[in-house]
Amino acid sequence: MLSSIGIPGLILILVIALIIFGPSKLPEIGRAFGNTFKKSTNDLISNEKEEKTNFEEKNNRIALEKSKRLETK
């Protein structure tokens, strides 16, 4: 979606934002956007790590159960 905007489109968006919000509010808006982006990427990374850990734990439990069944036979 964003790949079709291009550089001229981004410049136009920045100019419109400058006109609407003014130069004093743009740093605050940019900071808020950056913090939101950073938080969402950190959440995605932590969710991925958590899913990987859960997957490994599940595989370890399955392997342990299989080994116990083989020992009892």
C-alpha atoms as a PDB file:
ATOM      1  CA  MET A   1       0.000   0.000   0.000  1.00  0.00           C
ATOM      2  CA  LEU A   2       2.652   2.519   0.998  1.00  0.00           C
ATOM      3  CA  SER A   3       4.958   1.493  -1.828  1.00  0.00           C
ATOM      4  CA  SER A   4       2.630   3.109  -4.361  1.00  0.00           C
ATOM      5  CA  ILE A   5       2.812   6.543  -2.682  1.00  0.00           C
ATOM      6  CA  GLY A   6       6.359   7.427  -3.688  1.00  0.00           C
ATOM      7  CA  ILE A   7       8.487  10.429  -2.737  1.00  0.00           C
ATOM      8  CA  PRO A   8       6.217  13.118  -4.257  1.00  0.00           C
ATOM      9  CA  GLY A   9       3.246  11.673  -2.373  1.00  0.00           C
ATOM     10  CA  LEU A  10       5.138  11.705   0.919  1.00  0.00           C
ATOM     11  CA  ILE A  11       6.204  15.304   0.361  1.00  0.00           C
ATOM     12  CA  LEU A  12       2.592  16.263  -0.352  1.00  0.00           C
ATOM     13  CA  ILE A  13       1.419  14.528   2.827  1.00  0.00           C
ATOM     14  CA  LEU A  14       4.084  16.317   4.892  1.00  0.00           C
ATOM     15  CA  VAL A  15       3.137  19.713   3.411  1.00  0.00           C
ATOM     16  CA  ILE A  16      -0.552  19.116   4.145  1.00  0.00           C
ATOM     17  CA  ALA A  17       0.297  18.022   7.706  1.00  0.00           C
ATOM     18  CA  LEU A  18       2.413  21.147   8.135  1.00  0.00           C
ATOM     19  CA  ILE A  19      -0.468  23.337   6.974  1.00  0.00           C
ATOM     20  CA  ILE A  20      -3.054  21.580   9.160  1.00  0.00           C
ATOM     21  CA  PHE A  21      -1.079  21.168  12.395  1.00  0.00           C
ATOM     22  CA  GLY A  22       1.515  23.907  12.148  1.00  0.00           C
ATOM     23  CA  PRO A  23       5.243  23.701  12.753  1.00  0.00           C
ATOM     24  CA  SER A  24       4.963  23.595  16.556  1.00  0.00           C
ATOM     25  CA  LYS A  25       2.797  20.447  16.661  1.00  0.00           C
ATOM     26  CA  LEU A  26       4.642  18.389  14.032  1.00  0.00           C
ATOM     27  CA  PRO A  27       7.493  17.283  16.343  1.00  0.00           C
ATOM     28  CA  GLU A  28       4.955  16.117  18.932  1.00  0.00           C
ATOM     29  CA  ILE A  29       2.971  14.210  16.303  1.00  0.00           C
ATOM     30  CA  GLY A  30       6.133  12.650  14.899  1.00  0.00           C
ATOM     31  CA  ARG A  31       7.289  11.618  18.364  1.00  0.00           C
ATOM     32  CA  ALA A  32       3.888  10.073  19.155  1.00  0.00           C
ATOM     33  CA  PHE A  33       3.895   8.209  15.837  1.00  0.00           C
ATOM     34  CA  GLY A  34       7.437   6.961  16.459  1.00  0.00           C
ATOM     35  CA  ASN A  35       6.612   5.778  19.978  1.00  0.00           C
ATOM     36  CA  THR A  36       3.505   3.985  18.719  1.00  0.00           C
ATOM     37  CA  PHE A  37       5.476   2.323  15.926  1.00  0.00           C
ATOM     38  CA  LYS A  38       8.236   1.292  18.321  1.00  0.00           C
ATOM     39  CA  LYS A  39       5.737  -0.158  20.822  1.00  0.00           C
ATOM     40  CA  SER A  40       3.895  -2.130  18.155  1.00  0.00           C
ATOM     41  CA  THR A  41       7.095  -3.616  16.728  1.00  0.00           C
ATOM     42  CA  ASN A  42       8.286  -4.558  20.228  1.00  0.00           C
ATOM     43  CA  ASP A  43       4.916  -6.235  20.864  1.00  0.00           C
ATOM     44  CA  LEU A  44       5.217  -8.200  17.626  1.00  0.00           C
ATOM     45  CA  ILE A  45       8.735  -9.330  18.493  1.00  0.00           C
ATOM     46  CA  SER A  46       7.790 -10.362  22.019  1.00  0.00           C
ATOM     47  CA  ASN A  47       4.714 -12.252  20.750  1.00  0.00           C
ATOM     48  CA  GLU A  48       6.873 -14.098  18.237  1.00  0.00           C
ATOM     49  CA  LYS A  49       9.387 -15.050  20.941  1.00  0.00           C
ATOM     50  CA  GLU A  50       6.562 -16.182  23.218  1.00  0.00           C
ATOM     51  CA  GLU A  51       5.034 -18.342  20.485  1.00  0.00           C
ATOM     52  CA  LYS A  52       8.437 -19.878  19.747  1.00  0.00           C
ATOM     53  CA  THR A  53       8.947 -20.661  23.439  1.00  0.00           C
ATOM     54  CA  ASN A  54       5.476 -22.225  23.701  1.00  0.00           C
ATOM     55  CA  PHE A  55       6.138 -24.306  20.591  1.00  0.00           C
ATOM     56  CA  GLU A  56       9.464 -25.548  21.979  1.00  0.00           C
ATOM     57  CA  GLU A  57       7.883 -26.390  25.342  1.00  0.00           C
ATOM     58  CA  LYS A  58       5.112 -28.333  23.612  1.00  0.00           C
ATOM     59  CA  ASN A  59       7.648 -30.266  21.535  1.00  0.00           C
ATOM     60  CA  ASN A  60       9.698 -31.027  24.659  1.00  0.00           C
ATOM     61  CA  ARG A  61       6.599 -32.351  26.455  1.00  0.00           C
ATOM     62  CA  ILE A  62       5.710 -34.542  23.481  1.00  0.00           C
ATOM     63  CA  ALA A  63       9.255 -35.905  23.283  1.00  0.00           C
ATOM     64  CA  LEU A  64       9.246 -36.606  27.029  1.00  0.00           C
ATOM     65  CA  GLU A  65       5.932 -38.446  26.804  1.00  0.00           C
ATOM     66  CA  LYS A  66       7.219 -40.537  23.881  1.00  0.00           C
ATOM     67  CA  SER A  67      10.387 -41.427  25.748  1.00  0.00           C
ATOM     68  CA  LYS A  68       8.363 -42.436  28.839  1.00  0.00           C
ATOM     69  CA  ARG A  69       6.147 -44.662  26.684  1.00  0.00           C
ATOM     70  CA  LEU A  70       9.189 -46.303  25.119  1.00  0.00           C
ATOM     71  CA  GLU A  71      10.737 -46.916  28.559  1.00  0.00           C
ATOM     72  CA  THR A  72       7.605 -48.627  29.850  1.00  0.00           C
ATOM     73  CA  LYS A  73       7.453 -51.038  26.888  1.00  0.00           C
END
